[in-house]
Amino acid sequence: MVVKVINFYQEGCMACEEQTPILREAEKELDIKIEEIDAVKNPEYIKKYTLRVTPTTIVLDDDDVRERMEGLVHREDLKVAIQRHLPEPLTR
């Protein structure tokens, strides 16, 4: 089981800019790395993950989408969604 979190954004997106510090907090609190990909500069992901809006954050487990969050996601909601798929739930 390999859990991976990816956030898709695009330049000039206000919600994407607001999402960035929330992602950093979640990384720190959960001791994980969240990959960030510019969807416009990497259009192959738009089709692969059926991206409709930015930001979109997905949680993958062995390359299968387990969680999909479209738009701005608050820190607690993001943490809970990620924790559901981590091998050992963290209590921080």
Protein backbone atom coordinates (compact mmCIF):
# COMPACT_ATOMS: atom_id res chain seq x y z
CA MET A 1 0.00 0.00 0.00
CA VAL A 2 1.59 3.23 -1.20
CA VAL A 3 -0.35 6.38 -0.34
CA LYS A 4 0.39 9.45 -2.44
CA VAL A 5 -1.25 12.88 -2.26
CA ILE A 6 -1.28 15.19 -5.29
CA ASN A 7 -2.60 18.74 -5.49
CA PHE A 8 -3.38 20.12 -8.95
CA TYR A 9 -3.26 23.89 -9.33
CA GLN A 10 -2.83 26.57 -11.95
CA GLU A 11 -1.08 29.93 -11.90
CA GLY A 12 -3.33 32.88 -11.07
CA CYS A 13 -5.89 30.74 -9.24
CA MET A 14 -6.78 32.51 -5.98
CA ALA A 15 -8.15 29.34 -4.32
CA CYS A 16 -4.93 27.54 -5.29
CA GLU A 17 -2.89 30.23 -3.57
CA GLU A 18 -5.03 29.89 -0.45
CA GLN A 19 -4.65 26.10 -0.55
CA THR A 20 -0.83 26.17 -0.52
CA PRO A 21 -0.31 27.07 3.18
CA ILE A 22 -2.95 24.50 4.14
CA LEU A 23 -1.03 21.84 2.21
CA ARG A 24 2.20 22.83 3.99
CA GLU A 25 0.48 22.52 7.40
CA ALA A 26 -0.91 19.10 6.52
CA GLU A 27 2.50 17.92 5.33
CA LYS A 28 4.06 18.99 8.59
CA GLU A 29 1.34 17.62 10.86
CA LEU A 30 1.05 14.27 9.05
CA ASP A 31 4.75 13.93 8.19
CA ILE A 32 4.01 13.36 4.50
CA LYS A 33 4.88 14.98 1.17
CA ILE A 34 2.14 16.44 -1.01
CA GLU A 35 3.12 16.67 -4.66
CA GLU A 36 1.95 19.80 -6.47
CA ILE A 37 1.38 19.75 -10.22
CA ASP A 38 0.39 22.65 -12.48
CA ALA A 39 -2.54 21.15 -14.40
CA VAL A 40 -2.27 23.64 -17.27
CA LYS A 41 1.41 22.90 -17.86
CA ASN A 42 0.80 19.14 -17.52
CA PRO A 43 -2.46 18.56 -19.46
CA GLU A 44 -2.05 14.78 -19.50
CA TYR A 45 -3.24 14.78 -15.87
CA ILE A 46 -6.47 16.61 -16.79
CA LYS A 47 -7.65 13.60 -18.75
CA LYS A 48 -6.06 10.96 -16.52
CA TYR A 49 -7.80 12.24 -13.36
CA THR A 50 -10.78 13.97 -15.04
CA LEU A 51 -9.81 17.33 -13.56
CA ARG A 52 -12.58 19.92 -13.74
CA VAL A 53 -11.42 22.63 -11.33
CA THR A 54 -8.34 23.82 -9.53
CA PRO A 55 -7.34 23.26 -6.90
CA THR A 56 -8.09 19.55 -6.90
CA THR A 57 -6.42 17.33 -4.33
CA ILE A 58 -6.43 13.57 -4.73
CA VAL A 59 -5.28 10.77 -2.46
CA LEU A 60 -3.96 7.75 -4.30
CA ASP A 61 -3.47 4.30 -2.85
CA ASP A 62 -1.39 2.16 -5.20
CA ASP A 63 -2.36 4.53 -8.05
CA ASP A 64 -6.12 4.16 -7.36
CA VAL A 65 -7.97 7.38 -6.48
CA ARG A 66 -9.34 6.95 -2.95
CA GLU A 67 -10.22 10.58 -2.15
CA ARG A 68 -10.95 13.52 -4.43
CA MET A 69 -11.39 17.05 -3.10
CA GLU A 70 -12.28 19.79 -5.56
CA GLY A 71 -11.86 23.43 -4.67
CA LEU A 72 -10.41 24.88 -1.49
CA VAL A 73 -10.19 22.26 1.28
CA HIS A 74 -9.88 23.30 4.91
CA ARG A 75 -7.00 21.91 6.94
CA GLU A 76 -9.00 19.57 9.18
CA ASP A 77 -10.99 18.14 6.27
CA LEU A 78 -7.79 17.59 4.31
CA LYS A 79 -6.08 15.89 7.26
CA VAL A 80 -9.02 13.57 7.91
CA ALA A 81 -9.24 12.58 4.24
CA ILE A 82 -5.52 11.76 4.09
CA GLN A 83 -5.42 10.00 7.47
CA ARG A 84 -8.10 7.54 6.35
CA HIS A 85 -5.55 6.07 3.96
CA LEU A 86 -2.33 6.18 5.94
CA PRO A 87 -1.04 2.84 7.27
CA GLU A 88 -1.20 4.01 10.89
CA PRO A 89 -3.57 6.81 11.86
CA LEU A 90 -1.68 9.69 13.40
CA THR A 91 -3.05 11.48 16.42
CA ARG A 92 -1.72 15.01 16.43
